[in-house]
Amino acid sequence: KFAMVAPDVQIEDGKGTILISSEEGETEANNHRKLSDFGIRNGTRLQADDFLQDYTLLINVLHSEDLEKDVEFEVVGDTPERIGPKPSEPASKNISNGSDDGAQPSTSTGNQQ
């Protein structure tokens, strides 16, 4: 849902409890556990960081009885217009030959011997 590549997710509980790690295998045992197994309830805050994209989310977990059938969760609130990696900086318009020293390719038409 959040277009994260390699997220680290921890509970903001003052203990630094890590739910998901970007390090392969570090939190694999958590994959089949429920959030309630970690003490996550209505009002719990999670912090999700994706260092590869310089992207951080604060997530407030709110319990709801009003979800549609077969819907496990819903994302609501203030979200950026586009979630995902930031666009890269445009390249300088002055670079035409791989160098930014202003040198131009030779246009000489003289005889070469």
PDB file of N, CA and C in Angstrom:
ATOM      1  N   LYS A   1       0.808  -1.210   0.000  1.00  0.00           N
ATOM      2  CA  LYS A   1       0.000   0.000   0.000  1.00  0.00           C
ATOM      3  C   LYS A   1       0.848   1.269   0.000  1.00  0.00           C
ATOM      4  N   PHE A   2       2.029   1.223   0.624  1.00  0.00           N
ATOM      5  CA  PHE A   2       2.836   2.429   0.782  1.00  0.00           C
ATOM      6  C   PHE A   2       4.045   2.496  -0.140  1.00  0.00           C
ATOM      7  N   ALA A   3       4.191   1.532  -1.044  1.00  0.00           N
ATOM      8  CA  ALA A   3       5.279   1.509  -2.034  1.00  0.00           C
ATOM      9  C   ALA A   3       6.661   1.560  -1.395  1.00  0.00           C
ATOM     10  N   MET A   4       6.834   0.889  -0.283  1.00  0.00           N
ATOM     11  CA  MET A   4       8.140   0.828   0.369  1.00  0.00           C
ATOM     12  C   MET A   4       8.938  -0.332  -0.223  1.00  0.00           C
ATOM     13  N   VAL A   5      10.237  -0.130  -0.369  1.00  0.00           N
ATOM     14  CA  VAL A   5      11.110  -1.125  -0.971  1.00  0.00           C
ATOM     15  C   VAL A   5      11.707  -2.045   0.097  1.00  0.00           C
ATOM     16  N   ALA A   6      12.306  -1.469   1.109  1.00  0.00           N
ATOM     17  CA  ALA A   6      12.950  -2.235   2.178  1.00  0.00           C
ATOM     18  C   ALA A   6      12.622  -1.572   3.516  1.00  0.00           C
ATOM     19  N   PRO A   7      11.392  -1.753   4.002  1.00  0.00           N
ATOM     20  CA  PRO A   7      10.991  -1.045   5.215  1.00  0.00           C
ATOM     21  C   PRO A   7      11.505  -1.681   6.506  1.00  0.00           C
ATOM     22  N   ASP A   8      11.678  -0.839   7.503  1.00  0.00           N
ATOM     23  CA  ASP A   8      11.890  -1.241   8.888  1.00  0.00           C
ATOM     24  C   ASP A   8      10.702  -0.664   9.639  1.00  0.00           C
ATOM     25  N   VAL A   9       9.983  -1.502  10.391  1.00  0.00           N
ATOM     26  CA  VAL A   9       8.807  -1.039  11.131  1.00  0.00           C
ATOM     27  C   VAL A   9       8.999  -1.374  12.596  1.00  0.00           C
ATOM     28  N   GLN A  10       8.839  -0.367  13.442  1.00  0.00           N
ATOM     29  CA  GLN A  10       8.954  -0.595  14.874  1.00  0.00           C
ATOM     30  C   GLN A  10       7.783   0.038  15.597  1.00  0.00           C
ATOM     31  N   ILE A  11       7.489  -0.517  16.772  1.00  0.00           N
ATOM     32  CA  ILE A  11       6.435   0.019  17.620  1.00  0.00           C
ATOM     33  C   ILE A  11       7.026   1.181  18.394  1.00  0.00           C
ATOM     34  N   GLU A  12       6.314   2.295  18.444  1.00  0.00           N
ATOM     35  CA  GLU A  12       6.771   3.430  19.248  1.00  0.00           C
ATOM     36  C   GLU A  12       6.333   3.194  20.690  1.00  0.00           C
ATOM     37  N   ASP A  13       7.025   2.241  21.339  1.00  0.00           N
ATOM     38  CA  ASP A  13       6.678   1.855  22.698  1.00  0.00           C
ATOM     39  C   ASP A  13       7.788   2.160  23.691  1.00  0.00           C
ATOM     40  N   GLY A  14       8.829   2.826  23.232  1.00  0.00           N
ATOM     41  CA  GLY A  14       9.955   3.139  24.100  1.00  0.00           C
ATOM     42  C   GLY A  14      10.923   1.971  24.253  1.00  0.00           C
ATOM     43  N   LYS A  15      10.571   0.815  23.719  1.00  0.00           N
ATOM     44  CA  LYS A  15      11.428  -0.373  23.810  1.00  0.00           C
ATOM     45  C   LYS A  15      12.146  -0.653  22.497  1.00  0.00           C
ATOM     46  N   GLY A  16      11.690  -0.048  21.406  1.00  0.00           N
ATOM     47  CA  GLY A  16      12.292  -0.287  20.099  1.00  0.00           C
ATOM     48  C   GLY A  16      11.932  -1.643  19.518  1.00  0.00           C
ATOM     49  N   THR A  17      10.725  -2.141  19.829  1.00  0.00           N
ATOM     50  CA  THR A  17      10.285  -3.432  19.315  1.00  0.00           C
ATOM     51  C   THR A  17      10.163  -3.379  17.800  1.00  0.00           C
ATOM     52  N   ILE A  18      10.931  -4.219  17.106  1.00  0.00           N
ATOM     53  CA  ILE A  18      10.943  -4.233  15.641  1.00  0.00           C
ATOM     54  C   ILE A  18       9.991  -5.303  15.135  1.00  0.00           C
ATOM     55  N   LEU A  19       9.037  -4.894  14.292  1.00  0.00           N
ATOM     56  CA  LEU A  19       8.087  -5.831  13.683  1.00  0.00           C
ATOM     57  C   LEU A  19       8.580  -6.354  12.345  1.00  0.00           C
ATOM     58  N   ILE A  20       9.131  -5.460  11.538  1.00  0.00           N
ATOM     59  CA  ILE A  20       9.621  -5.796  10.204  1.00  0.00           C
ATOM     60  C   ILE A  20      11.010  -5.180  10.061  1.00  0.00           C
ATOM     61  N   SER A  21      11.946  -5.981   9.570  1.00  0.00           N
ATOM     62  CA  SER A  21      13.303  -5.486   9.344  1.00  0.00           C
ATOM     63  C   SER A  21      13.668  -5.627   7.881  1.00  0.00           C
ATOM     64  N   SER A  22      14.421  -4.671   7.377  1.00  0.00           N
ATOM     65  CA  SER A  22      14.903  -4.751   5.998  1.00  0.00           C
ATOM     66  C   SER A  22      16.062  -5.742   5.888  1.00  0.00           C
ATOM     67  N   GLU A  23      16.613  -6.165   7.023  1.00  0.00           N
ATOM     68  CA  GLU A  23      17.668  -7.178   7.032  1.00  0.00           C
ATOM     69  C   GLU A  23      17.034  -8.543   6.823  1.00  0.00           C
ATOM     70  N   GLU A  24      17.433  -9.246   5.778  1.00  0.00           N
ATOM     71  CA  GLU A  24      16.833 -10.521   5.416  1.00  0.00           C
ATOM     72  C   GLU A  24      16.894 -11.525   6.573  1.00  0.00           C
ATOM     73  N   GLY A  25      15.734 -12.113   6.901  1.00  0.00           N
ATOM     74  CA  GLY A  25      15.641 -13.154   7.916  1.00  0.00           C
ATOM     75  C   GLY A  25      15.567 -12.669   9.343  1.00  0.00           C
ATOM     76  N   GLU A  26      15.819 -11.390   9.603  1.00  0.00           N
ATOM     77  CA  GLU A  26      15.882 -10.883  10.978  1.00  0.00           C
ATOM     78  C   GLU A  26      14.552 -10.977  11.713  1.00  0.00           C
ATOM     79  N   THR A  27      13.447 -10.716  11.011  1.00  0.00           N
ATOM     80  CA  THR A  27      12.124 -10.745  11.665  1.00  0.00           C
ATOM     81  C   THR A  27      11.183 -11.724  10.979  1.00  0.00           C
ATOM     82  N   GLU A  28      11.731 -12.716  10.302  1.00  0.00           N
ATOM     83  CA  GLU A  28      10.916 -13.689   9.581  1.00  0.00           C
ATOM     84  C   GLU A  28       9.927 -14.404  10.503  1.00  0.00           C
ATOM     85  N   ALA A  29      10.290 -14.621  11.756  1.00  0.00           N
ATOM     86  CA  ALA A  29       9.409 -15.303  12.716  1.00  0.00           C
ATOM     87  C   ALA A  29       8.144 -14.501  12.994  1.00  0.00           C
ATOM     88  N   ASN A  30       8.147 -13.216  12.695  1.00  0.00           N
ATOM     89  CA  ASN A  30       6.977 -12.356  12.934  1.00  0.00           C
ATOM     90  C   ASN A  30       5.926 -12.458  11.830  1.00  0.00           C
ATOM     91  N   ASN A  31       6.280 -13.011  10.681  1.00  0.00           N
ATOM     92  CA  ASN A  31       5.404 -12.985   9.509  1.00  0.00           C
ATOM     93  C   ASN A  31       4.025 -13.582   9.745  1.00  0.00           C
ATOM     94  N   HIS A  32       3.909 -14.591  10.597  1.00  0.00           N
ATOM     95  CA  HIS A  32       2.621 -15.268  10.793  1.00  0.00           C
ATOM     96  C   HIS A  32       1.946 -14.850  12.096  1.00  0.00           C
ATOM     97  N   ARG A  33       2.517 -13.881  12.783  1.00  0.00           N
ATOM     98  CA  ARG A  33       1.930 -13.422  14.040  1.00  0.00           C
ATOM     99  C   ARG A  33       0.960 -12.275  13.786  1.00  0.00           C
ATOM    100  N   LYS A  34      -0.004 -12.127  14.679  1.00  0.00           N
ATOM    101  CA  LYS A  34      -0.968 -11.022  14.594  1.00  0.00           C
ATOM    102  C   LYS A  34      -0.409  -9.810  15.328  1.00  0.00           C
ATOM    103  N   LEU A  35      -0.903  -8.631  14.963  1.00  0.00           N
ATOM    104  CA  LEU A  35      -0.453  -7.408  15.639  1.00  0.00           C
ATOM    105  C   LEU A  35      -0.742  -7.460  17.134  1.00  0.00           C
ATOM    106  N   SER A  36      -1.877  -8.085  17.500  1.00  0.00           N
ATOM    107  CA  SER A  36      -2.235  -8.170  18.923  1.00  0.00           C
ATOM    108  C   SER A  36      -1.206  -8.992  19.710  1.00  0.00           C
ATOM    109  N   ASP A  37      -0.479  -9.899  19.050  1.00  0.00           N
ATOM    110  CA  ASP A  37       0.573 -10.681  19.710  1.00  0.00           C
ATOM    111  C   ASP A  37       1.702  -9.786  20.223  1.00  0.00           C
ATOM    112  N   PHE A  38       1.828  -8.607  19.641  1.00  0.00           N
ATOM    113  CA  PHE A  38       2.868  -7.653  20.034  1.00  0.00           C
ATOM    114  C   PHE A  38       2.326  -6.564  20.956  1.00  0.00           C
ATOM    115  N   GLY A  39       1.074  -6.701  21.378  1.00  0.00           N
ATOM    116  CA  GLY A  39       0.466  -5.687  22.242  1.00  0.00           C
ATOM    117  C   GLY A  39      -0.038  -4.481  21.481  1.00  0.00           C
ATOM    118  N   ILE A  40      -0.157  -4.595  20.164  1.00  0.00           N
ATOM    119  CA  ILE A  40      -0.644  -3.477  19.352  1.00  0.00           C
ATOM    120  C   ILE A  40      -2.157  -3.456  19.439  1.00  0.00           C
ATOM    121  N   ARG A  41      -2.677  -2.335  19.856  1.00  0.00           N
ATOM    122  CA  ARG A  41      -4.105  -2.158  20.054  1.00  0.00           C
ATOM    123  C   ARG A  41      -4.521  -0.800  19.473  1.00  0.00           C
ATOM    124  N   ASN A  42      -5.776  -0.471  19.630  1.00  0.00           N
ATOM    125  CA  ASN A  42      -6.291   0.831  19.227  1.00  0.00           C
ATOM    126  C   ASN A  42      -5.428   1.934  19.850  1.00  0.00           C
ATOM    127  N   GLY A  43      -4.910   2.820  19.029  1.00  0.00           N
ATOM    128  CA  GLY A  43      -4.108   3.943  19.511  1.00  0.00           C
ATOM    129  C   GLY A  43      -2.605   3.721  19.463  1.00  0.00           C
ATOM    130  N   THR A  44      -2.159   2.521  19.155  1.00  0.00           N
ATOM    131  CA  THR A  44      -0.718   2.258  19.051  1.00  0.00           C
ATOM    132  C   THR A  44      -0.148   2.992  17.844  1.00  0.00           C
ATOM    133  N   ARG A  45       1.077   3.489  18.007  1.00  0.00           N
ATOM    134  CA  ARG A  45       1.776   4.158  16.889  1.00  0.00           C
ATOM    135  C   ARG A  45       2.914   3.292  16.411  1.00  0.00           C
ATOM    136  N   LEU A  46       3.054   3.222  15.093  1.00  0.00           N
ATOM    137  CA  LEU A  46       4.155   2.508  14.459  1.00  0.00           C
ATOM    138  C   LEU A  46       4.961   3.501  13.629  1.00  0.00           C
ATOM    139  N   GLN A  47       6.258   3.249  13.519  1.00  0.00           N
ATOM    140  CA  GLN A  47       7.100   4.063  12.645  1.00  0.00           C
ATOM    141  C   GLN A  47       7.676   3.145  11.583  1.00  0.00           C
ATOM    142  N   ALA A  48       7.458   3.498  10.318  1.00  0.00           N
ATOM    143  CA  ALA A  48       7.970   2.735   9.185  1.00  0.00           C
ATOM    144  C   ALA A  48       8.982   3.595   8.433  1.00  0.00           C
ATOM    145  N   ASP A  49      10.201   3.076   8.295  1.00  0.00           N
ATOM    146  CA  ASP A  49      11.274   3.791   7.596  1.00  0.00           C
ATOM    147  C   ASP A  49      11.733   2.973   6.402  1.00  0.00           C
ATOM    148  N   ASP A  50      11.894   3.633   5.269  1.00  0.00           N
ATOM    149  CA  ASP A  50      12.502   3.003   4.103  1.00  0.00           C
ATOM    150  C   ASP A  50      13.716   3.859   3.751  1.00  0.00           C
ATOM    151  N   PHE A  51      14.877   3.452   4.253  1.00  0.00           N
ATOM    152  CA  PHE A  51      16.089   4.240   4.078  1.00  0.00           C
ATOM    153  C   PHE A  51      16.525   4.313   2.620  1.00  0.00           C
ATOM    154  N   LEU A  52      16.172   3.304   1.826  1.00  0.00           N
ATOM    155  CA  LEU A  52      16.548   3.330   0.417  1.00  0.00           C
ATOM    156  C   LEU A  52      15.867   4.464  -0.337  1.00  0.00           C
ATOM    157  N   GLN A  53      14.708   4.893   0.160  1.00  0.00           N
ATOM    158  CA  GLN A  53      13.965   5.956  -0.511  1.00  0.00           C
ATOM    159  C   GLN A  53      13.903   7.237   0.316  1.00  0.00           C
ATOM    160  N   ASP A  54      14.562   7.253   1.482  1.00  0.00           N
ATOM    161  CA  ASP A  54      14.492   8.404   2.385  1.00  0.00           C
ATOM    162  C   ASP A  54      13.027   8.739   2.650  1.00  0.00           C
ATOM    163  N   TYR A  55      12.315   7.756   3.184  1.00  0.00           N
ATOM    164  CA  TYR A  55      10.865   7.795   3.264  1.00  0.00           C
ATOM    165  C   TYR A  55      10.447   7.243   4.633  1.00  0.00           C
ATOM    166  N   THR A  56       9.744   8.046   5.439  1.00  0.00           N
ATOM    167  CA  THR A  56       9.309   7.632   6.771  1.00  0.00           C
ATOM    168  C   THR A  56       7.828   7.907   6.944  1.00  0.00           C
ATOM    169  N   LEU A  57       7.134   6.945   7.563  1.00  0.00           N
ATOM    170  CA  LEU A  57       5.708   7.099   7.875  1.00  0.00           C
ATOM    171  C   LEU A  57       5.483   6.881   9.354  1.00  0.00           C
ATOM    172  N   LEU A  58       4.601   7.663   9.942  1.00  0.00           N
ATOM    173  CA  LEU A  58       4.091   7.394  11.280  1.00  0.00           C
ATOM    174  C   LEU A  58       2.680   6.879  11.097  1.00  0.00           C
ATOM    175  N   ILE A  59       2.409   5.711  11.668  1.00  0.00           N
ATOM    176  CA  ILE A  59       1.127   5.046  11.467  1.00  0.00           C
ATOM    177  C   ILE A  59       0.410   4.948  12.799  1.00  0.00           C
ATOM    178  N   ASN A  60      -0.801   5.481  12.848  1.00  0.00           N
ATOM    179  CA  ASN A  60      -1.655   5.354  14.032  1.00  0.00           C
ATOM    180  C   ASN A  60      -2.620   4.204  13.771  1.00  0.00           C
ATOM    181  N   VAL A  61      -2.604   3.209  14.644  1.00  0.00           N
ATOM    182  CA  VAL A  61      -3.487   2.062  14.496  1.00  0.00           C
ATOM    183  C   VAL A  61      -4.795   2.372  15.214  1.00  0.00           C
ATOM    184  N   LEU A  62      -5.900   2.319  14.473  1.00  0.00           N
ATOM    185  CA  LEU A  62      -7.214   2.579  15.038  1.00  0.00           C
ATOM    186  C   LEU A  62      -8.125   1.394  14.750  1.00  0.00           C
ATOM    187  N   HIS A  63      -8.787   0.900  15.771  1.00  0.00           N
ATOM    188  CA  HIS A  63      -9.707  -0.219  15.607  1.00  0.00           C
ATOM    189  C   HIS A  63     -11.015   0.285  15.002  1.00  0.00           C
ATOM    190  N   SER A  64     -11.589  -0.515  14.091  1.00  0.00           N
ATOM    191  CA  SER A  64     -12.858  -0.145  13.475  1.00  0.00           C
ATOM    192  C   SER A  64     -13.715  -1.383  13.283  1.00  0.00           C
ATOM    193  N   GLU A  65     -14.987  -1.242  13.547  1.00  0.00           N
ATOM    194  CA  GLU A  65     -15.957  -2.316  13.294  1.00  0.00           C
ATOM    195  C   GLU A  65     -16.688  -2.074  11.975  1.00  0.00           C
ATOM    196  N   ASP A  66     -16.377  -0.966  11.278  1.00  0.00           N
ATOM    197  CA  ASP A  66     -17.124  -0.542  10.097  1.00  0.00           C
ATOM    198  C   ASP A  66     -16.474  -0.914   8.770  1.00  0.00           C
ATOM    199  N   LEU A  67     -15.526  -1.848   8.749  1.00  0.00           N
ATOM    200  CA  LEU A  67     -14.892  -2.228   7.491  1.00  0.00           C
ATOM    201  C   LEU A  67     -15.820  -3.127   6.690  1.00  0.00           C
ATOM    202  N   GLU A  68     -15.719  -3.007   5.364  1.00  0.00           N
ATOM    203  CA  GLU A  68     -16.536  -3.846   4.493  1.00  0.00           C
ATOM    204  C   GLU A  68     -16.107  -5.305   4.626  1.00  0.00           C
ATOM    205  N   LYS A  69     -16.964  -6.192   4.193  1.00  0.00           N
ATOM    206  CA  LYS A  69     -16.676  -7.618   4.268  1.00  0.00           C
ATOM    207  C   LYS A  69     -15.381  -7.948   3.524  1.00  0.00           C
ATOM    208  N   ASP A  70     -14.554  -8.788   4.100  1.00  0.00           N
ATOM    209  CA  ASP A  70     -13.272  -9.247   3.552  1.00  0.00           C
ATOM    210  C   ASP A  70     -12.215  -8.150   3.455  1.00  0.00           C
ATOM    211  N   VAL A  71     -12.449  -6.986   4.055  1.00  0.00           N
ATOM    212  CA  VAL A  71     -11.450  -5.920   4.097  1.00  0.00           C
ATOM    213  C   VAL A  71     -10.773  -6.006   5.461  1.00  0.00           C
ATOM    214  N   GLU A  72      -9.450  -6.208   5.445  1.00  0.00           N
ATOM    215  CA  GLU A  72      -8.713  -6.374   6.693  1.00  0.00           C
ATOM    216  C   GLU A  72      -8.266  -5.047   7.297  1.00  0.00           C
ATOM    217  N   PHE A  73      -7.986  -4.062   6.455  1.00  0.00           N
ATOM    218  CA  PHE A  73      -7.557  -2.764   6.953  1.00  0.00           C
ATOM    219  C   PHE A  73      -7.876  -1.692   5.925  1.00  0.00           C
ATOM    220  N   GLU A  74      -7.809  -0.446   6.390  1.00  0.00           N
ATOM    221  CA  GLU A  74      -8.067   0.688   5.513  1.00  0.00           C
ATOM    222  C   GLU A  74      -7.055   1.775   5.853  1.00  0.00           C
ATOM    223  N   VAL A  75      -6.520   2.419   4.843  1.00  0.00           N
ATOM    224  CA  VAL A  75      -5.588   3.513   5.038  1.00  0.00           C
ATOM    225  C   VAL A  75      -6.373   4.808   4.903  1.00  0.00           C
ATOM    226  N   VAL A  76      -6.388   5.612   5.964  1.00  0.00           N
ATOM    227  CA  VAL A  76      -7.088   6.894   5.948  1.00  0.00           C
ATOM    228  C   VAL A  76      -6.175   7.959   6.527  1.00  0.00           C
ATOM    229  N   GLY A  77      -6.484   9.207   6.242  1.00  0.00           N
ATOM    230  CA  GLY A  77      -5.734  10.297   6.833  1.00  0.00           C
ATOM    231  C   GLY A  77      -4.996  11.114   5.806  1.00  0.00           C
ATOM    232  N   ASP A  78      -4.084  11.929   6.298  1.00  0.00           N
ATOM    233  CA  ASP A  78      -3.290  12.798   5.438  1.00  0.00           C
ATOM    234  C   ASP A  78      -2.182  11.979   4.798  1.00  0.00           C
ATOM    235  N   THR A  79      -2.255  11.845   3.490  1.00  0.00           N
ATOM    236  CA  THR A  79      -1.232  11.119   2.753  1.00  0.00           C
ATOM    237  C   THR A  79      -0.724  12.003   1.632  1.00  0.00           C
ATOM    238  N   PRO A  80       0.532  11.816   1.248  1.00  0.00           N
ATOM    239  CA  PRO A  80       1.044  12.590   0.113  1.00  0.00           C
ATOM    240  C   PRO A  80       0.257  12.249  -1.146  1.00  0.00           C
ATOM    241  N   GLU A  81       0.248  13.168  -2.102  1.00  0.00           N
ATOM    242  CA  GLU A  81      -0.466  12.925  -3.358  1.00  0.00           C
ATOM    243  C   GLU A  81       0.082  11.701  -4.068  1.00  0.00           C
ATOM    244  N   ARG A  82       1.382  11.512  -4.012  1.00  0.00           N
ATOM    245  CA  ARG A  82       2.007  10.367  -4.658  1.00  0.00           C
ATOM    246  C   ARG A  82       2.934   9.724  -3.647  1.00  0.00           C
ATOM    247  N   ILE A  83       2.693   8.464  -3.353  1.00  0.00           N
ATOM    248  CA  ILE A  83       3.532   7.748  -2.408  1.00  0.00           C
ATOM    249  C   ILE A  83       4.573   6.983  -3.198  1.00  0.00           C
ATOM    250  N   GLY A  84       5.801   7.036  -2.748  1.00  0.00           N
ATOM    251  CA  GLY A  84       6.862   6.297  -3.405  1.00  0.00           C
ATOM    252  C   GLY A  84       8.132   7.114  -3.461  1.00  0.00           C
ATOM    253  N   PRO A  85       9.089   6.665  -4.239  1.00  0.00           N
ATOM    254  CA  PRO A  85      10.373   7.354  -4.286  1.00  0.00           C
ATOM    255  C   PRO A  85      10.247   8.768  -4.845  1.00  0.00           C
ATOM    256  N   LYS A  86      11.112   9.623  -4.348  1.00  0.00           N
ATOM    257  CA  LYS A  86      11.143  11.000  -4.838  1.00  0.00           C
ATOM    258  C   LYS A  86      11.751  11.023  -6.234  1.00  0.00           C
ATOM    259  N   PRO A  87      11.254  11.905  -7.126  1.00  0.00           N
ATOM    260  CA  PRO A  87      11.852  11.977  -8.469  1.00  0.00           C
ATOM    261  C   PRO A  87      13.295  12.441  -8.374  1.00  0.00           C
ATOM    262  N   SER A  88      14.135  11.964  -9.279  1.00  0.00           N
ATOM    263  CA  SER A  88      15.537  12.344  -9.252  1.00  0.00           C
ATOM    264  C   SER A  88      15.700  13.764  -9.771  1.00  0.00           C
ATOM    265  N   GLU A  89      16.813  14.352  -9.394  1.00  0.00           N
ATOM    266  CA  GLU A  89      17.123  15.716  -9.826  1.00  0.00           C
ATOM    267  C   GLU A  89      17.354  15.727 -11.337  1.00  0.00           C
ATOM    268  N   PRO A  90      16.846  16.737 -12.052  1.00  0.00           N
ATOM    269  CA  PRO A  90      17.107  16.792 -13.490  1.00  0.00           C
ATOM    270  C   PRO A  90      18.583  17.051 -13.759  1.00  0.00           C
ATOM    271  N   ALA A  91      19.096  16.485 -14.828  1.00  0.00           N
ATOM    272  CA  ALA A  91      20.491  16.688 -15.206  1.00  0.00           C
ATOM    273  C   ALA A  91      20.672  18.108 -15.723  1.00  0.00           C
ATOM    274  N   SER A  92      21.876  18.608 -15.596  1.00  0.00           N
ATOM    275  CA  SER A  92      22.184  19.951 -16.079  1.00  0.00           C
ATOM    276  C   SER A  92      21.986  20.023 -17.586  1.00  0.00           C
ATOM    277  N   LYS A  93      21.384  21.103 -18.047  1.00  0.00           N
ATOM    278  CA  LYS A  93      21.114  21.267 -19.478  1.00  0.00           C
ATOM    279  C   LYS A  93      22.373  21.599 -20.267  1.00  0.00           C
ATOM    280  N   ASN A  94      23.445  22.021 -19.588  1.00  0.00           N
ATOM    281  CA  ASN A  94      24.665  22.425 -20.266  1.00  0.00           C
ATOM    282  C   ASN A  94      25.569  21.257 -20.609  1.00  0.00           C
ATOM    283  N   ILE A  95      25.267  20.081 -20.156  1.00  0.00           N
ATOM    284  CA  ILE A  95      26.143  18.945 -20.403  1.00  0.00           C
ATOM    285  C   ILE A  95      25.709  18.259 -21.693  1.00  0.00           C
ATOM    286  N   SER A  96      26.576  18.334 -22.721  1.00  0.00           N
ATOM    287  CA  SER A  96      26.230  17.722 -24.004  1.00  0.00           C
ATOM    288  C   SER A  96      27.195  16.614 -24.391  1.00  0.00           C
ATOM    289  N   ASN A  97      28.400  16.633 -23.830  1.00  0.00           N
ATOM    290  CA  ASN A  97      29.380  15.617 -24.202  1.00  0.00           C
ATOM    291  C   ASN A  97      29.946  14.893 -22.986  1.00  0.00           C
ATOM    292  N   GLY A  98      29.188  14.891 -21.891  1.00  0.00           N
ATOM    293  CA  GLY A  98      29.636  14.211 -20.684  1.00  0.00           C
ATOM    294  C   GLY A  98      30.530  15.065 -19.826  1.00  0.00           C
ATOM    295  N   SER A  99      30.779  16.285 -20.216  1.00  0.00           N
ATOM    296  CA  SER A  99      31.629  17.186 -19.454  1.00  0.00           C
ATOM    297  C   SER A  99      30.879  18.488 -19.241  1.00  0.00           C
ATOM    298  N   ASP A 100      31.070  19.094 -18.091  1.00  0.00           N
ATOM    299  CA  ASP A 100      30.388  20.364 -17.851  1.00  0.00           C
ATOM    300  C   ASP A 100      31.346  21.548 -17.900  1.00  0.00           C
ATOM    301  N   ASP A 101      32.501  21.369 -18.613  1.00  0.00           N
ATOM    302  CA  ASP A 101      33.480  22.447 -18.683  1.00  0.00           C
ATOM    303  C   ASP A 101      33.225  23.416 -19.823  1.00  0.00           C
ATOM    304  N   GLY A 102      32.125  23.239 -20.549  1.00  0.00           N
ATOM    305  CA  GLY A 102      31.773  24.153 -21.625  1.00  0.00           C
ATOM    306  C   GLY A 102      32.445  23.826 -22.948  1.00  0.00           C
ATOM    307  N   ALA A 103      33.346  22.846 -22.974  1.00  0.00           N
ATOM    308  CA  ALA A 103      34.030  22.488 -24.222  1.00  0.00           C
ATOM    309  C   ALA A 103      33.033  21.887 -25.197  1.00  0.00           C
ATOM    310  N   GLN A 104      33.203  22.224 -26.463  1.00  0.00           N
ATOM    311  CA  GLN A 104      32.317  21.730 -27.514  1.00  0.00           C
ATOM    312  C   GLN A 104      33.109  20.793 -28.425  1.00  0.00           C
ATOM    313  N   PRO A 105      32.430  19.853 -29.055  1.00  0.00           N
ATOM    314  CA  PRO A 105      33.135  18.971 -29.994  1.00  0.00           C
ATOM    315  C   PRO A 105      33.701  19.767 -31.158  1.00  0.00           C
ATOM    316  N   SER A 106      34.781  19.265 -31.709  1.00  0.00           N
ATOM    317  CA  SER A 106      35.426  19.927 -32.840  1.00  0.00           C
ATOM    318  C   SER A 106      34.527  19.888 -34.069  1.00  0.00           C
ATOM    319  N   THR A 107      34.500  21.015 -34.806  1.00  0.00           N
ATOM    320  CA  THR A 107      33.715  21.071 -36.045  1.00  0.00           C
ATOM    321  C   THR A 107      34.636  21.366 -37.228  1.00  0.00           C
ATOM    322  N   SER A 108      35.920  21.138 -37.036  1.00  0.00           N
ATOM    323  CA  SER A 108      36.904  21.431 -38.080  1.00  0.00           C
ATOM    324  C   SER A 108      36.647  20.566 -39.316  1.00  0.00           C
ATOM    325  N   THR A 109      36.814  21.185 -40.490  1.00  0.00           N
ATOM    326  CA  THR A 109      36.634  20.440 -41.744  1.00  0.00           C
ATOM    327  C   THR A 109      37.932  20.423 -42.529  1.00  0.00           C
ATOM    328  N   GLY A 110      39.029  20.783 -41.886  1.00  0.00           N
ATOM    329  CA  GLY A 110      40.336  20.812 -42.567  1.00  0.00           C
ATOM    330  C   GLY A 110      40.793  19.417 -42.956  1.00  0.00           C
ATOM    331  N   ASN A 111      41.761  19.379 -43.924  1.00  0.00           N
ATOM    332  CA  ASN A 111      42.294  18.094 -44.370  1.00  0.00           C
ATOM    333  C   ASN A 111      43.108  17.457 -43.249  1.00  0.00           C
ATOM    334  N   GLN A 112      42.870  16.182 -43.028  1.00  0.00           N
ATOM    335  CA  GLN A 112      43.648  15.457 -42.050  1.00  0.00           C
ATOM    336  C   GLN A 112      44.581  14.519 -42.787  1.00  0.00           C
ATOM    337  N   GLN A 113      45.859  14.521 -42.448  1.00  0.00           N
ATOM    338  CA  GLN A 113      46.817  13.677 -43.148  1.00  0.00           C
ATOM    339  C   GLN A 113      47.508  12.749 -42.230  1.00  0.00           C
TER     340      GLN A 113
END
